[in-house]
Amino acid sequence: MIVVIADCTAVILGLWILFALLGANRANDLVSAVHDASLWLAGWSHDLFTMDTAWLRTVLNFGLPAVVYVLIGHFLAARIRRA
């Protein structure tokens, strides 16, 4: 269950990165929902990186939390399995 939650958070963050890089219509309900969820999930890393290049800033500020959630989720699941 922990792995599924961690992977779902990474998918949401990855979807937002993809939408932002491809210039998705933010007025669309799906894009808006993914954006809102990703802002909440990546709140702790908001503006952690402030590069001038918008696409790089988006990838880093939303990609880092995705990687962290996956690593922590899989680590916790492995520890629980061993216990």
N, C-alpha and C. Protein backbone atom coordinates (compact mmCIF):
# COMPACT_ATOMS: atom_id res chain seq x y z
N MET A 1 0.82 -1.20 0.00
CA MET A 1 0.00 0.00 0.00
C MET A 1 0.87 1.26 0.00
N ILE A 2 1.93 1.24 0.76
CA ILE A 2 2.82 2.41 0.83
C ILE A 2 3.45 2.68 -0.54
N VAL A 3 3.86 1.62 -1.22
CA VAL A 3 4.48 1.77 -2.54
C VAL A 3 3.48 2.35 -3.53
N VAL A 4 2.25 1.91 -3.47
CA VAL A 4 1.22 2.41 -4.38
C VAL A 4 0.98 3.90 -4.16
N ILE A 5 0.91 4.32 -2.91
CA ILE A 5 0.71 5.74 -2.60
C ILE A 5 1.90 6.56 -3.08
N ALA A 6 3.11 6.08 -2.81
CA ALA A 6 4.31 6.80 -3.24
C ALA A 6 4.36 6.90 -4.77
N ASP A 7 4.05 5.82 -5.43
CA ASP A 7 4.07 5.84 -6.90
C ASP A 7 2.98 6.74 -7.47
N CYS A 8 1.81 6.77 -6.84
CA CYS A 8 0.73 7.66 -7.31
C CYS A 8 1.12 9.12 -7.16
N THR A 9 1.79 9.47 -6.06
CA THR A 9 2.24 10.85 -5.91
C THR A 9 3.26 11.21 -6.98
N ALA A 10 4.14 10.28 -7.30
CA ALA A 10 5.14 10.53 -8.35
C ALA A 10 4.47 10.67 -9.71
N VAL A 11 3.44 9.89 -9.97
CA VAL A 11 2.71 9.99 -11.24
C VAL A 11 2.03 11.35 -11.36
N ILE A 12 1.41 11.81 -10.29
CA ILE A 12 0.74 13.12 -10.32
C ILE A 12 1.76 14.22 -10.59
N LEU A 13 2.89 14.18 -9.90
CA LEU A 13 3.93 15.18 -10.11
C LEU A 13 4.52 15.08 -11.51
N GLY A 14 4.71 13.87 -11.98
CA GLY A 14 5.21 13.67 -13.34
C GLY A 14 4.24 14.16 -14.39
N LEU A 15 2.96 13.94 -14.16
CA LEU A 15 1.95 14.44 -15.09
C LEU A 15 1.98 15.96 -15.16
N TRP A 16 2.13 16.61 -14.01
CA TRP A 16 2.18 18.07 -14.04
C TRP A 16 3.41 18.55 -14.81
N ILE A 17 4.55 17.90 -14.60
CA ILE A 17 5.75 18.27 -15.35
C ILE A 17 5.49 18.14 -16.85
N LEU A 18 4.89 17.04 -17.24
CA LEU A 18 4.57 16.81 -18.64
C LEU A 18 3.60 17.86 -19.18
N PHE A 19 2.53 18.13 -18.42
CA PHE A 19 1.57 19.14 -18.84
C PHE A 19 2.22 20.51 -18.98
N ALA A 20 3.07 20.87 -18.01
CA ALA A 20 3.73 22.18 -18.05
C ALA A 20 4.68 22.28 -19.23
N LEU A 21 5.44 21.23 -19.49
CA LEU A 21 6.40 21.26 -20.59
C LEU A 21 5.72 21.31 -21.95
N LEU A 22 4.57 20.67 -22.05
CA LEU A 22 3.84 20.63 -23.32
C LEU A 22 2.87 21.80 -23.48
N GLY A 23 2.77 22.65 -22.47
CA GLY A 23 1.90 23.82 -22.56
C GLY A 23 0.43 23.48 -22.53
N ALA A 24 0.04 22.55 -21.65
CA ALA A 24 -1.36 22.14 -21.56
C ALA A 24 -2.25 23.31 -21.13
N ASN A 25 -3.50 23.26 -21.55
CA ASN A 25 -4.48 24.29 -21.24
C ASN A 25 -4.86 24.21 -19.76
N ARG A 26 -4.46 25.21 -18.99
CA ARG A 26 -4.71 25.20 -17.54
C ARG A 26 -6.19 25.40 -17.20
N ALA A 27 -6.99 25.79 -18.15
CA ALA A 27 -8.43 25.92 -17.92
C ALA A 27 -9.12 24.56 -17.97
N ASN A 28 -8.46 23.55 -18.50
CA ASN A 28 -9.01 22.20 -18.55
C ASN A 28 -9.11 21.65 -17.13
N ASP A 29 -10.20 20.94 -16.85
CA ASP A 29 -10.43 20.42 -15.49
C ASP A 29 -9.36 19.43 -15.05
N LEU A 30 -8.95 18.53 -15.93
CA LEU A 30 -7.93 17.54 -15.58
C LEU A 30 -6.60 18.22 -15.29
N VAL A 31 -6.19 19.13 -16.16
CA VAL A 31 -4.93 19.85 -15.98
C VAL A 31 -4.97 20.66 -14.70
N SER A 32 -6.08 21.32 -14.44
CA SER A 32 -6.24 22.12 -13.23
C SER A 32 -6.16 21.25 -11.97
N ALA A 33 -6.81 20.09 -11.99
CA ALA A 33 -6.79 19.18 -10.84
C ALA A 33 -5.38 18.64 -10.59
N VAL A 34 -4.69 18.26 -11.66
CA VAL A 34 -3.32 17.76 -11.51
C VAL A 34 -2.42 18.88 -11.00
N HIS A 35 -2.60 20.08 -11.49
CA HIS A 35 -1.80 21.22 -11.04
C HIS A 35 -2.01 21.49 -9.55
N ASP A 36 -3.26 21.52 -9.12
CA ASP A 36 -3.57 21.77 -7.71
C ASP A 36 -2.98 20.68 -6.82
N ALA A 37 -3.14 19.42 -7.23
CA ALA A 37 -2.59 18.31 -6.44
C ALA A 37 -1.06 18.38 -6.39
N SER A 38 -0.45 18.69 -7.51
CA SER A 38 1.01 18.74 -7.53
C SER A 38 1.54 19.90 -6.71
N LEU A 39 0.83 21.03 -6.70
CA LEU A 39 1.24 22.15 -5.85
C LEU A 39 1.20 21.76 -4.38
N TRP A 40 0.18 21.02 -4.00
CA TRP A 40 0.06 20.57 -2.62
C TRP A 40 1.16 19.56 -2.28
N LEU A 41 1.38 18.58 -3.18
CA LEU A 41 2.39 17.56 -2.93
C LEU A 41 3.81 18.12 -2.89
N ALA A 42 4.07 19.13 -3.70
CA ALA A 42 5.41 19.71 -3.78
C ALA A 42 5.52 21.01 -2.99
N GLY A 43 4.62 21.23 -2.07
CA GLY A 43 4.63 22.47 -1.30
C GLY A 43 5.91 22.70 -0.54
N TRP A 44 6.50 21.65 -0.02
CA TRP A 44 7.73 21.79 0.75
C TRP A 44 8.93 22.17 -0.11
N SER A 45 8.84 21.95 -1.41
CA SER A 45 9.96 22.28 -2.29
C SER A 45 9.65 23.47 -3.20
N HIS A 46 8.60 24.21 -2.85
CA HIS A 46 8.19 25.34 -3.68
C HIS A 46 9.33 26.36 -3.77
N ASP A 47 9.71 26.67 -4.98
CA ASP A 47 10.79 27.62 -5.27
C ASP A 47 12.12 27.25 -4.62
N LEU A 48 12.35 25.96 -4.46
CA LEU A 48 13.64 25.50 -3.96
C LEU A 48 14.73 25.83 -4.97
N PHE A 49 14.41 25.67 -6.23
CA PHE A 49 15.31 26.03 -7.32
C PHE A 49 14.72 27.22 -8.06
N THR A 50 15.52 28.25 -8.31
CA THR A 50 15.01 29.46 -8.95
C THR A 50 15.82 29.79 -10.21
N MET A 51 15.91 28.82 -11.09
CA MET A 51 16.61 29.05 -12.36
C MET A 51 15.84 30.04 -13.22
N ASP A 52 16.53 30.66 -14.15
CA ASP A 52 15.87 31.56 -15.08
C ASP A 52 15.04 30.82 -16.11
N THR A 53 15.44 29.60 -16.43
CA THR A 53 14.74 28.80 -17.42
C THR A 53 13.52 28.14 -16.77
N ALA A 54 12.34 28.49 -17.27
CA ALA A 54 11.08 28.03 -16.66
C ALA A 54 10.94 26.52 -16.70
N TRP A 55 11.28 25.88 -17.82
CA TRP A 55 11.08 24.44 -17.93
C TRP A 55 12.01 23.70 -16.96
N LEU A 56 13.23 24.17 -16.78
CA LEU A 56 14.16 23.53 -15.86
C LEU A 56 13.71 23.72 -14.41
N ARG A 57 13.21 24.89 -14.10
CA ARG A 57 12.70 25.17 -12.76
C ARG A 57 11.51 24.25 -12.44
N THR A 58 10.63 24.05 -13.41
CA THR A 58 9.48 23.16 -13.22
C THR A 58 9.93 21.73 -13.01
N VAL A 59 10.84 21.26 -13.84
CA VAL A 59 11.33 19.88 -13.72
C VAL A 59 11.98 19.66 -12.36
N LEU A 60 12.81 20.59 -11.93
CA LEU A 60 13.50 20.41 -10.65
C LEU A 60 12.57 20.56 -9.45
N ASN A 61 11.71 21.57 -9.46
CA ASN A 61 10.85 21.83 -8.30
C ASN A 61 9.74 20.79 -8.13
N PHE A 62 9.36 20.11 -9.20
CA PHE A 62 8.34 19.07 -9.08
C PHE A 62 8.94 17.68 -9.23
N GLY A 63 10.08 17.57 -9.88
CA GLY A 63 10.73 16.27 -10.04
C GLY A 63 11.40 15.79 -8.77
N LEU A 64 12.01 16.71 -8.03
CA LEU A 64 12.67 16.33 -6.77
C LEU A 64 11.67 15.71 -5.79
N PRO A 65 10.52 16.33 -5.54
CA PRO A 65 9.57 15.68 -4.63
C PRO A 65 9.11 14.31 -5.14
N ALA A 66 8.94 14.16 -6.45
CA ALA A 66 8.54 12.86 -6.99
C ALA A 66 9.58 11.81 -6.65
N VAL A 67 10.84 12.13 -6.85
CA VAL A 67 11.92 11.18 -6.55
C VAL A 67 11.97 10.90 -5.05
N VAL A 68 11.83 11.94 -4.23
CA VAL A 68 11.87 11.76 -2.77
C VAL A 68 10.73 10.87 -2.30
N TYR A 69 9.52 11.10 -2.81
CA TYR A 69 8.38 10.28 -2.40
C TYR A 69 8.57 8.82 -2.80
N VAL A 70 9.09 8.57 -3.98
CA VAL A 70 9.32 7.20 -4.42
C VAL A 70 10.39 6.53 -3.56
N LEU A 71 11.48 7.22 -3.34
CA LEU A 71 12.56 6.64 -2.53
C LEU A 71 12.11 6.35 -1.10
N ILE A 72 11.45 7.30 -0.47
CA ILE A 72 10.98 7.10 0.90
C ILE A 72 9.91 6.01 0.96
N GLY A 73 8.98 6.03 0.03
CA GLY A 73 7.92 5.03 0.01
C GLY A 73 8.44 3.62 -0.17
N HIS A 74 9.36 3.44 -1.10
CA HIS A 74 9.91 2.11 -1.33
C HIS A 74 10.81 1.68 -0.17
N PHE A 75 11.55 2.61 0.43
CA PHE A 75 12.38 2.30 1.59
C PHE A 75 11.51 1.86 2.76
N LEU A 76 10.46 2.61 3.04
CA LEU A 76 9.56 2.24 4.16
C LEU A 76 8.90 0.89 3.91
N ALA A 77 8.46 0.65 2.69
CA ALA A 77 7.80 -0.62 2.38
C ALA A 77 8.77 -1.78 2.57
N ALA A 78 10.02 -1.60 2.16
CA ALA A 78 11.01 -2.66 2.33
C ALA A 78 11.30 -2.91 3.81
N ARG A 79 11.37 -1.84 4.59
CA ARG A 79 11.62 -2.00 6.04
C ARG A 79 10.45 -2.71 6.73
N ILE A 80 9.25 -2.37 6.34
CA ILE A 80 8.07 -3.00 6.94
C ILE A 80 8.00 -4.48 6.55
N ARG A 81 8.34 -4.78 5.29
CA ARG A 81 8.34 -6.17 4.84
C ARG A 81 9.32 -7.02 5.63
N ARG A 82 10.48 -6.45 5.98
CA ARG A 82 11.51 -7.19 6.72
C ARG A 82 11.15 -7.37 8.18
N ALA A 83 10.30 -6.50 8.71
CA ALA A 83 9.97 -6.56 10.13
C ALA A 83 9.01 -7.67 10.47
